[in-house]
Amino acid sequence: MNAKHVLKLSILGLCGIATLAFAPGLVSSASAHGERSQEPFLRMRTVNWYDTQWVGKTTAINDIAYLKGSFHLSEDWPRAVVKPERTFLNVGSPSSVFVRLSSKMNGTPMFNSGPLEIGRDYTYEVKLKARLPGHHHIHPMLAVERAGPVAGPGGWMDITGRYEDFVNPVKTLTGETFDSETMGSMTGIMWHVFWISIGIFWVGWFAIRPMYLVRARVLAAYGDDILLDPIDRKVGTAVLIFTLVVVLVGYLAAEGRHPVSVPLQAGETKI
């Protein structure tokens, strides 16, 4: 290797090091949600948003903000997009930075989905409660079944304070009050750990008797009769019975602890 070649490699190496050193300072963080990346016929020929207001652009944790405005369903609705026969008013945000307390369209509560008419104008109001501190880009959004969400204009909203101070108390029809932010968290974690442990045991059992690769070779060469081990049958039966018993006992325990529950919401709202 001659000196010229060494010099060339050294220069290339220095350029690479310089690029890596300066890149973090030159690259800016991404902002917003890229709503303009949607196809033009979706943004311009479906839901025409106007008079959008972000009321409470700076709020503290637990304070209330509003997202208000109007939209017109274009008469030139694209043939490639499913008609808005079932829609849902939503909010586009980077995760659940707000809790949606209520939403109304033309004064009608919109906690369910429902049909809208092409050519009509609708006024909406969404009541929000600040949850996660930060500088967030918030959009109104109309979800159309089988067509997807259509995002409206975005605006920046700031939330100050600490997440640890957030509470979201809910009073039930039976008179109980609980914080929905933390209610049932440990129960959910417990069930996740429990079922993950069962899954690891199930996969591990067949992974060591013998390994997967050996089983695949035997199956390809001799069929599955040689792999039908009586112990595997017994373990499979035991796990099946155990799973059914756990599901049944868990259901009965939950039913006994919470005898009054909210039925599934299968209705629709018509405006």
C-alpha atoms as a PDB file:
ATOM      1  CA  MET A   1       0.000   0.000   0.000  1.00  0.00           C
ATOM      2  CA  ASN A   2       1.632   3.234  -1.143  1.00  0.00           C
ATOM      3  CA  ALA A   3       1.559   6.608   0.591  1.00  0.00           C
ATOM      4  CA  LYS A   4      -0.943   8.051  -1.875  1.00  0.00           C
ATOM      5  CA  HIS A   5      -3.464   5.314  -1.151  1.00  0.00           C
ATOM      6  CA  VAL A   6      -3.001   5.746   2.603  1.00  0.00           C
ATOM      7  CA  LEU A   7      -3.564   9.499   2.276  1.00  0.00           C
ATOM      8  CA  LYS A   8      -6.764   8.934   0.315  1.00  0.00           C
ATOM      9  CA  LEU A   9      -8.132   6.520   2.918  1.00  0.00           C
ATOM     10  CA  SER A  10      -7.185   8.926   5.706  1.00  0.00           C
ATOM     11  CA  ILE A  11      -9.054  11.803   4.051  1.00  0.00           C
ATOM     12  CA  LEU A  12     -12.129   9.616   3.532  1.00  0.00           C
ATOM     13  CA  GLY A  13     -11.981   8.528   7.160  1.00  0.00           C
ATOM     14  CA  LEU A  14     -11.708  12.108   8.398  1.00  0.00           C
ATOM     15  CA  CYS A  15     -14.663  13.130   6.221  1.00  0.00           C
ATOM     16  CA  GLY A  16     -16.711  10.292   7.672  1.00  0.00           C
ATOM     17  CA  ILE A  17     -15.821  11.258  11.233  1.00  0.00           C
ATOM     18  CA  ALA A  18     -16.661  14.911  10.521  1.00  0.00           C
ATOM     19  CA  THR A  19     -20.015  13.907   9.044  1.00  0.00           C
ATOM     20  CA  LEU A  20     -20.908  11.853  12.111  1.00  0.00           C
ATOM     21  CA  ALA A  21     -19.753  14.649  14.423  1.00  0.00           C
ATOM     22  CA  PHE A  22     -21.758  17.433  12.776  1.00  0.00           C
ATOM     23  CA  ALA A  23     -24.880  15.448  11.833  1.00  0.00           C
ATOM     24  CA  PRO A  24     -26.601  15.666  15.265  1.00  0.00           C
ATOM     25  CA  GLY A  25     -26.331  19.448  15.189  1.00  0.00           C
ATOM     26  CA  LEU A  26     -27.557  19.824  11.611  1.00  0.00           C
ATOM     27  CA  VAL A  27     -30.539  17.457  11.716  1.00  0.00           C
ATOM     28  CA  SER A  28     -33.683  18.950  13.244  1.00  0.00           C
ATOM     29  CA  SER A  29     -36.411  16.966  14.956  1.00  0.00           C
ATOM     30  CA  ALA A  30     -39.586  16.140  13.047  1.00  0.00           C
ATOM     31  CA  SER A  31     -42.713  18.099  13.930  1.00  0.00           C
ATOM     32  CA  ALA A  32     -46.438  17.674  13.246  1.00  0.00           C
ATOM     33  CA  HIS A  33     -48.043  14.601  11.721  1.00  0.00           C
ATOM     34  CA  GLY A  34     -47.536  15.044   8.016  1.00  0.00           C
ATOM     35  CA  GLU A  35     -51.221  15.628   7.314  1.00  0.00           C
ATOM     36  CA  ARG A  36     -50.288  16.999   3.903  1.00  0.00           C
ATOM     37  CA  SER A  37     -48.910  13.592   3.004  1.00  0.00           C
ATOM     38  CA  GLN A  38     -52.499  12.433   2.474  1.00  0.00           C
ATOM     39  CA  GLU A  39     -53.631  12.164  -1.116  1.00  0.00           C
ATOM     40  CA  PRO A  40     -54.894  15.515  -2.490  1.00  0.00           C
ATOM     41  CA  PHE A  41     -58.298  14.060  -3.370  1.00  0.00           C
ATOM     42  CA  LEU A  42     -58.730  13.071   0.293  1.00  0.00           C
ATOM     43  CA  ARG A  43     -57.666  16.432   1.697  1.00  0.00           C
ATOM     44  CA  MET A  44     -59.472  18.651  -0.817  1.00  0.00           C
ATOM     45  CA  ARG A  45     -62.539  16.758  -2.035  1.00  0.00           C
ATOM     46  CA  THR A  46     -63.912  15.094   1.084  1.00  0.00           C
ATOM     47  CA  VAL A  47     -63.991  17.111   4.320  1.00  0.00           C
ATOM     48  CA  ASN A  48     -63.480  20.868   3.923  1.00  0.00           C
ATOM     49  CA  TRP A  49     -62.538  22.231   7.354  1.00  0.00           C
ATOM     50  CA  TYR A  50     -62.986  25.892   8.246  1.00  0.00           C
ATOM     51  CA  ASP A  51     -63.180  28.242  11.279  1.00  0.00           C
ATOM     52  CA  THR A  52     -61.043  25.863  13.335  1.00  0.00           C
ATOM     53  CA  GLN A  53     -60.263  27.180  16.834  1.00  0.00           C
ATOM     54  CA  TRP A  54     -57.880  25.873  19.484  1.00  0.00           C
ATOM     55  CA  VAL A  55     -59.337  27.396  22.652  1.00  0.00           C
ATOM     56  CA  GLY A  56     -56.803  27.236  25.467  1.00  0.00           C
ATOM     57  CA  LYS A  57     -53.572  27.015  23.508  1.00  0.00           C
ATOM     58  CA  THR A  58     -51.670  26.971  26.802  1.00  0.00           C
ATOM     59  CA  THR A  59     -53.189  24.880  29.566  1.00  0.00           C
ATOM     60  CA  ALA A  60     -51.982  23.298  32.773  1.00  0.00           C
ATOM     61  CA  ILE A  61     -52.356  19.646  33.665  1.00  0.00           C
ATOM     62  CA  ASN A  62     -56.028  18.870  34.497  1.00  0.00           C
ATOM     63  CA  ASP A  63     -57.246  22.108  32.878  1.00  0.00           C
ATOM     64  CA  ILE A  64     -59.876  22.188  30.122  1.00  0.00           C
ATOM     65  CA  ALA A  65     -59.331  23.137  26.482  1.00  0.00           C
ATOM     66  CA  TYR A  66     -61.641  23.069  23.461  1.00  0.00           C
ATOM     67  CA  LEU A  67     -61.269  22.216  19.809  1.00  0.00           C
ATOM     68  CA  LYS A  68     -64.000  23.940  17.814  1.00  0.00           C
ATOM     69  CA  GLY A  69     -64.865  24.615  14.213  1.00  0.00           C
ATOM     70  CA  SER A  70     -66.933  23.596  11.231  1.00  0.00           C
ATOM     71  CA  PHE A  71     -66.586  21.470   8.131  1.00  0.00           C
ATOM     72  CA  HIS A  72     -68.397  20.963   4.864  1.00  0.00           C
ATOM     73  CA  LEU A  73     -68.757  17.577   3.178  1.00  0.00           C
ATOM     74  CA  SER A  74     -67.865  18.276  -0.422  1.00  0.00           C
ATOM     75  CA  GLU A  75     -70.475  17.650  -3.118  1.00  0.00           C
ATOM     76  CA  ASP A  76     -67.553  16.537  -5.289  1.00  0.00           C
ATOM     77  CA  TRP A  77     -66.948  13.511  -3.082  1.00  0.00           C
ATOM     78  CA  PRO A  78     -64.495  11.180  -4.888  1.00  0.00           C
ATOM     79  CA  ARG A  79     -65.878   7.976  -6.344  1.00  0.00           C
ATOM     80  CA  ALA A  80     -62.853   6.117  -4.982  1.00  0.00           C
ATOM     81  CA  VAL A  81     -63.757   7.005  -1.386  1.00  0.00           C
ATOM     82  CA  VAL A  82     -66.550   5.282   0.524  1.00  0.00           C
ATOM     83  CA  LYS A  83     -69.512   7.554   1.266  1.00  0.00           C
ATOM     84  CA  PRO A  84     -69.678   8.872   4.863  1.00  0.00           C
ATOM     85  CA  GLU A  85     -72.407   6.479   5.964  1.00  0.00           C
ATOM     86  CA  ARG A  86     -70.620   5.758   9.240  1.00  0.00           C
ATOM     87  CA  THR A  87     -68.277   8.385  10.656  1.00  0.00           C
ATOM     88  CA  PHE A  88     -66.691   9.265  13.973  1.00  0.00           C
ATOM     89  CA  LEU A  89     -65.460  12.662  15.154  1.00  0.00           C
ATOM     90  CA  ASN A  90     -61.988  12.311  16.606  1.00  0.00           C
ATOM     91  CA  VAL A  91     -58.870  14.271  17.542  1.00  0.00           C
ATOM     92  CA  GLY A  92     -55.477  13.718  15.948  1.00  0.00           C
ATOM     93  CA  SER A  93     -52.629  14.053  18.441  1.00  0.00           C
ATOM     94  CA  PRO A  94     -49.233  12.519  19.270  1.00  0.00           C
ATOM     95  CA  SER A  95     -50.648   9.883  21.656  1.00  0.00           C
ATOM     96  CA  SER A  96     -53.247  10.672  24.323  1.00  0.00           C
ATOM     97  CA  VAL A  97     -51.892  14.065  25.371  1.00  0.00           C
ATOM     98  CA  PHE A  98     -55.477  15.140  26.098  1.00  0.00           C
ATOM     99  CA  VAL A  99     -58.427  13.218  27.482  1.00  0.00           C
ATOM    100  CA  ARG A 100     -61.551  13.763  25.418  1.00  0.00           C
ATOM    101  CA  LEU A 101     -64.368  14.467  27.856  1.00  0.00           C
ATOM    102  CA  SER A 102     -67.112  15.071  25.308  1.00  0.00           C
ATOM    103  CA  SER A 103     -67.721  15.839  21.654  1.00  0.00           C
ATOM    104  CA  LYS A 104     -70.708  17.427  19.944  1.00  0.00           C
ATOM    105  CA  MET A 105     -71.716  17.955  16.350  1.00  0.00           C
ATOM    106  CA  ASN A 106     -74.423  20.526  15.604  1.00  0.00           C
ATOM    107  CA  GLY A 107     -75.158  20.405  19.335  1.00  0.00           C
ATOM    108  CA  THR A 108     -75.725  16.633  19.352  1.00  0.00           C
ATOM    109  CA  PRO A 109     -73.478  14.444  21.560  1.00  0.00           C
ATOM    110  CA  MET A 110     -71.244  12.309  19.340  1.00  0.00           C
ATOM    111  CA  PHE A 111     -69.979   9.566  21.637  1.00  0.00           C
ATOM    112  CA  ASN A 112     -71.081   7.077  18.958  1.00  0.00           C
ATOM    113  CA  SER A 113     -70.436   6.925  15.248  1.00  0.00           C
ATOM    114  CA  GLY A 114     -73.139   7.866  12.763  1.00  0.00           C
ATOM    115  CA  PRO A 115     -73.959   8.821   9.180  1.00  0.00           C
ATOM    116  CA  LEU A 116     -73.368  12.272   7.690  1.00  0.00           C
ATOM    117  CA  GLU A 117     -74.827  13.804   4.538  1.00  0.00           C
ATOM    118  CA  ILE A 118     -72.737  14.964   1.606  1.00  0.00           C
ATOM    119  CA  GLY A 119     -73.279  18.660   0.906  1.00  0.00           C
ATOM    120  CA  ARG A 120     -74.116  19.628   4.491  1.00  0.00           C
ATOM    121  CA  ASP A 121     -72.195  21.792   6.932  1.00  0.00           C
ATOM    122  CA  TYR A 122     -71.511  20.649  10.474  1.00  0.00           C
ATOM    123  CA  THR A 123     -70.273  22.511  13.536  1.00  0.00           C
ATOM    124  CA  TYR A 124     -68.310  20.555  16.120  1.00  0.00           C
ATOM    125  CA  GLU A 125     -66.945  21.075  19.616  1.00  0.00           C
ATOM    126  CA  VAL A 126     -64.612  18.726  21.465  1.00  0.00           C
ATOM    127  CA  LYS A 127     -63.959  19.200  25.186  1.00  0.00           C
ATOM    128  CA  LEU A 128     -60.429  18.181  26.186  1.00  0.00           C
ATOM    129  CA  LYS A 129     -58.599  17.756  29.482  1.00  0.00           C
ATOM    130  CA  ALA A 130     -54.825  18.281  29.541  1.00  0.00           C
ATOM    131  CA  ARG A 131     -52.946  15.070  30.369  1.00  0.00           C
ATOM    132  CA  LEU A 132     -49.322  15.016  29.136  1.00  0.00           C
ATOM    133  CA  PRO A 133     -47.080  18.106  29.341  1.00  0.00           C
ATOM    134  CA  GLY A 134     -45.384  19.275  26.172  1.00  0.00           C
ATOM    135  CA  HIS A 135     -45.718  21.163  22.881  1.00  0.00           C
ATOM    136  CA  HIS A 136     -48.280  19.205  20.857  1.00  0.00           C
ATOM    137  CA  HIS A 137     -49.732  19.437  17.350  1.00  0.00           C
ATOM    138  CA  ILE A 138     -53.500  18.861  17.511  1.00  0.00           C
ATOM    139  CA  HIS A 139     -55.947  18.273  14.647  1.00  0.00           C
ATOM    140  CA  PRO A 140     -59.667  17.724  14.324  1.00  0.00           C
ATOM    141  CA  MET A 141     -60.225  14.444  12.542  1.00  0.00           C
ATOM    142  CA  LEU A 142     -63.173  12.731  10.915  1.00  0.00           C
ATOM    143  CA  ALA A 143     -62.880   8.970  10.602  1.00  0.00           C
ATOM    144  CA  VAL A 144     -64.895   7.463   7.741  1.00  0.00           C
ATOM    145  CA  GLU A 145     -65.496   3.731   7.809  1.00  0.00           C
ATOM    146  CA  ARG A 146     -63.452   1.895   5.134  1.00  0.00           C
ATOM    147  CA  ALA A 147     -61.923   5.208   4.010  1.00  0.00           C
ATOM    148  CA  GLY A 148     -59.822   6.037   7.054  1.00  0.00           C
ATOM    149  CA  PRO A 149     -59.281   9.265   9.010  1.00  0.00           C
ATOM    150  CA  VAL A 150     -59.360  12.649   7.287  1.00  0.00           C
ATOM    151  CA  ALA A 151     -57.268  15.132   9.277  1.00  0.00           C
ATOM    152  CA  GLY A 152     -58.146  18.784   9.505  1.00  0.00           C
ATOM    153  CA  PRO A 153     -55.805  21.740  10.044  1.00  0.00           C
ATOM    154  CA  GLY A 154     -53.293  21.392  12.859  1.00  0.00           C
ATOM    155  CA  GLY A 155     -52.468  23.835  15.617  1.00  0.00           C
ATOM    156  CA  TRP A 156     -49.919  23.859  18.406  1.00  0.00           C
ATOM    157  CA  MET A 157     -51.146  23.511  21.993  1.00  0.00           C
ATOM    158  CA  ASP A 158     -48.938  23.675  25.081  1.00  0.00           C
ATOM    159  CA  ILE A 159     -49.527  21.740  28.286  1.00  0.00           C
ATOM    160  CA  THR A 160     -47.612  22.735  31.414  1.00  0.00           C
ATOM    161  CA  GLY A 161     -47.150  20.966  34.726  1.00  0.00           C
ATOM    162  CA  ARG A 162     -46.300  17.413  35.750  1.00  0.00           C
ATOM    163  CA  TYR A 163     -47.955  14.243  34.526  1.00  0.00           C
ATOM    164  CA  GLU A 164     -47.829  12.839  38.082  1.00  0.00           C
ATOM    165  CA  ASP A 165     -50.445  15.457  39.073  1.00  0.00           C
ATOM    166  CA  PHE A 166     -52.969  14.303  36.466  1.00  0.00           C
ATOM    167  CA  VAL A 167     -56.209  12.758  37.728  1.00  0.00           C
ATOM    168  CA  ASN A 168     -59.327  11.764  35.844  1.00  0.00           C
ATOM    169  CA  PRO A 169     -62.038  10.950  38.399  1.00  0.00           C
ATOM    170  CA  VAL A 170     -65.150   9.178  37.152  1.00  0.00           C
ATOM    171  CA  LYS A 171     -68.374   8.702  39.120  1.00  0.00           C
ATOM    172  CA  THR A 172     -70.286   5.549  38.257  1.00  0.00           C
ATOM    173  CA  LEU A 173     -74.048   5.025  38.226  1.00  0.00           C
ATOM    174  CA  THR A 174     -73.711   3.084  41.483  1.00  0.00           C
ATOM    175  CA  GLY A 175     -72.206   6.118  43.243  1.00  0.00           C
ATOM    176  CA  GLU A 176     -68.565   5.016  43.276  1.00  0.00           C
ATOM    177  CA  THR A 177     -65.785   7.422  42.301  1.00  0.00           C
ATOM    178  CA  PHE A 178     -62.402   6.274  41.011  1.00  0.00           C
ATOM    179  CA  ASP A 179     -59.448   7.624  39.046  1.00  0.00           C
ATOM    180  CA  SER A 180     -59.716   6.122  35.569  1.00  0.00           C
ATOM    181  CA  GLU A 181     -56.039   6.935  34.924  1.00  0.00           C
ATOM    182  CA  THR A 182     -54.855   4.322  37.434  1.00  0.00           C
ATOM    183  CA  MET A 183     -57.913   2.118  37.987  1.00  0.00           C
ATOM    184  CA  GLY A 184     -57.109  -1.511  37.155  1.00  0.00           C
ATOM    185  CA  SER A 185     -53.477  -0.850  36.181  1.00  0.00           C
ATOM    186  CA  MET A 186     -52.004  -3.513  38.471  1.00  0.00           C
ATOM    187  CA  THR A 187     -54.698  -5.988  37.449  1.00  0.00           C
ATOM    188  CA  GLY A 188     -53.810  -5.481  33.800  1.00  0.00           C
ATOM    189  CA  ILE A 189     -50.086  -5.881  34.496  1.00  0.00           C
ATOM    190  CA  MET A 190     -50.752  -9.031  36.525  1.00  0.00           C
ATOM    191  CA  TRP A 191     -52.754 -10.675  33.735  1.00  0.00           C
ATOM    192  CA  HIS A 192     -50.145  -9.736  31.123  1.00  0.00           C
ATOM    193  CA  VAL A 193     -47.352 -11.286  33.208  1.00  0.00           C
ATOM    194  CA  PHE A 194     -49.478 -14.371  33.899  1.00  0.00           C
ATOM    195  CA  TRP A 195     -50.342 -15.125  30.262  1.00  0.00           C
ATOM    196  CA  ILE A 196     -46.833 -14.302  29.042  1.00  0.00           C
ATOM    197  CA  SER A 197     -45.509 -16.824  31.574  1.00  0.00           C
ATOM    198  CA  ILE A 198     -47.934 -19.476  30.304  1.00  0.00           C
ATOM    199  CA  GLY A 199     -46.883 -18.736  26.729  1.00  0.00           C
ATOM    200  CA  ILE A 200     -43.177 -18.989  27.596  1.00  0.00           C
ATOM    201  CA  PHE A 201     -43.784 -22.336  29.300  1.00  0.00           C
ATOM    202  CA  TRP A 202     -45.752 -23.640  26.305  1.00  0.00           C
ATOM    203  CA  VAL A 203     -43.135 -22.623  23.752  1.00  0.00           C
ATOM    204  CA  GLY A 204     -40.276 -23.709  26.007  1.00  0.00           C
ATOM    205  CA  TRP A 205     -41.748 -27.172  26.526  1.00  0.00           C
ATOM    206  CA  PHE A 206     -41.722 -27.975  22.836  1.00  0.00           C
ATOM    207  CA  ALA A 207     -38.430 -26.149  22.288  1.00  0.00           C
ATOM    208  CA  ILE A 208     -36.571 -28.603  24.541  1.00  0.00           C
ATOM    209  CA  ARG A 209     -38.350 -31.830  23.469  1.00  0.00           C
ATOM    210  CA  PRO A 210     -36.348 -31.848  21.153  1.00  0.00           C
ATOM    211  CA  MET A 211     -35.385 -28.571  19.480  1.00  0.00           C
ATOM    212  CA  TYR A 212     -37.538 -27.131  16.670  1.00  0.00           C
ATOM    213  CA  LEU A 213     -34.996 -27.863  13.943  1.00  0.00           C
ATOM    214  CA  VAL A 214     -34.789 -31.535  14.911  1.00  0.00           C
ATOM    215  CA  ARG A 215     -38.579 -31.824  14.936  1.00  0.00           C
ATOM    216  CA  ALA A 216     -38.792 -30.234  11.499  1.00  0.00           C
ATOM    217  CA  ARG A 217     -36.301 -32.708  10.056  1.00  0.00           C
ATOM    218  CA  VAL A 218     -38.065 -35.716  11.608  1.00  0.00           C
ATOM    219  CA  LEU A 219     -41.432 -34.436  10.405  1.00  0.00           C
ATOM    220  CA  ALA A 220     -40.128 -34.028   6.857  1.00  0.00           C
ATOM    221  CA  ALA A 221     -38.467 -37.463   6.805  1.00  0.00           C
ATOM    222  CA  TYR A 222     -40.876 -39.732   8.695  1.00  0.00           C
ATOM    223  CA  GLY A 223     -44.168 -37.872   9.145  1.00  0.00           C
ATOM    224  CA  ASP A 224     -45.785 -36.842  12.415  1.00  0.00           C
ATOM    225  CA  ASP A 225     -46.492 -40.256  13.965  1.00  0.00           C
ATOM    226  CA  ILE A 226     -43.060 -40.476  15.559  1.00  0.00           C
ATOM    227  CA  LEU A 227     -43.540 -37.070  17.202  1.00  0.00           C
ATOM    228  CA  LEU A 228     -46.820 -37.942  18.917  1.00  0.00           C
ATOM    229  CA  ASP A 229     -45.306 -38.312  22.380  1.00  0.00           C
ATOM    230  CA  PRO A 230     -47.810 -39.329  25.129  1.00  0.00           C
ATOM    231  CA  ILE A 231     -46.179 -36.828  27.496  1.00  0.00           C
ATOM    232  CA  ASP A 232     -46.796 -34.008  25.011  1.00  0.00           C
ATOM    233  CA  ARG A 233     -50.455 -35.034  24.816  1.00  0.00           C
ATOM    234  CA  LYS A 234     -50.775 -34.972  28.603  1.00  0.00           C
ATOM    235  CA  VAL A 235     -49.071 -31.589  28.894  1.00  0.00           C
ATOM    236  CA  GLY A 236     -51.244 -30.151  26.106  1.00  0.00           C
ATOM    237  CA  THR A 237     -54.425 -31.454  27.758  1.00  0.00           C
ATOM    238  CA  ALA A 238     -53.355 -30.106  31.153  1.00  0.00           C
ATOM    239  CA  VAL A 239     -52.581 -26.656  29.734  1.00  0.00           C
ATOM    240  CA  LEU A 240     -55.921 -26.590  27.888  1.00  0.00           C
ATOM    241  CA  ILE A 241     -57.903 -27.487  31.018  1.00  0.00           C
ATOM    242  CA  PHE A 242     -55.873 -25.041  33.115  1.00  0.00           C
ATOM    243  CA  THR A 243     -56.508 -22.221  30.635  1.00  0.00           C
ATOM    244  CA  LEU A 244     -60.265 -22.857  30.531  1.00  0.00           C
ATOM    245  CA  VAL A 245     -60.451 -22.976  34.339  1.00  0.00           C
ATOM    246  CA  VAL A 246     -58.493 -19.719  34.696  1.00  0.00           C
ATOM    247  CA  VAL A 247     -60.706 -17.945  32.137  1.00  0.00           C
ATOM    248  CA  LEU A 248     -63.890 -19.179  33.837  1.00  0.00           C
ATOM    249  CA  VAL A 249     -62.729 -18.304  37.351  1.00  0.00           C
ATOM    250  CA  GLY A 250     -61.482 -14.905  36.190  1.00  0.00           C
ATOM    251  CA  TYR A 251     -64.797 -14.146  34.493  1.00  0.00           C
ATOM    252  CA  LEU A 252     -66.843 -15.164  37.551  1.00  0.00           C
ATOM    253  CA  ALA A 253     -64.579 -13.142  39.859  1.00  0.00           C
ATOM    254  CA  ALA A 254     -64.875 -10.024  37.685  1.00  0.00           C
ATOM    255  CA  GLU A 255     -68.639 -10.489  37.384  1.00  0.00           C
ATOM    256  CA  GLY A 256     -68.966 -10.820  41.147  1.00  0.00           C
ATOM    257  CA  ARG A 257     -66.818  -7.772  41.832  1.00  0.00           C
ATOM    258  CA  HIS A 258     -68.460  -5.594  39.158  1.00  0.00           C
ATOM    259  CA  PRO A 259     -72.055  -6.826  38.762  1.00  0.00           C
ATOM    260  CA  VAL A 260     -73.153  -3.598  37.047  1.00  0.00           C
ATOM    261  CA  SER A 261     -71.332  -2.884  33.784  1.00  0.00           C
ATOM    262  CA  VAL A 262     -71.805  -0.671  30.739  1.00  0.00           C
ATOM    263  CA  PRO A 263     -73.241  -2.601  27.766  1.00  0.00           C
ATOM    264  CA  LEU A 264     -71.511  -2.509  24.407  1.00  0.00           C
ATOM    265  CA  GLN A 265     -72.434   0.644  22.498  1.00  0.00           C
ATOM    266  CA  ALA A 266     -73.918  -0.618  19.245  1.00  0.00           C
ATOM    267  CA  GLY A 267     -76.132   2.350  18.356  1.00  0.00           C
ATOM    268  CA  GLU A 268     -75.446   5.247  16.017  1.00  0.00           C
ATOM    269  CA  THR A 269     -76.045   8.971  16.203  1.00  0.00           C
ATOM    270  CA  LYS A 270     -78.035  10.658  13.454  1.00  0.00           C
ATOM    271  CA  ILE A 271     -77.904  14.423  12.992  1.00  0.00           C
END
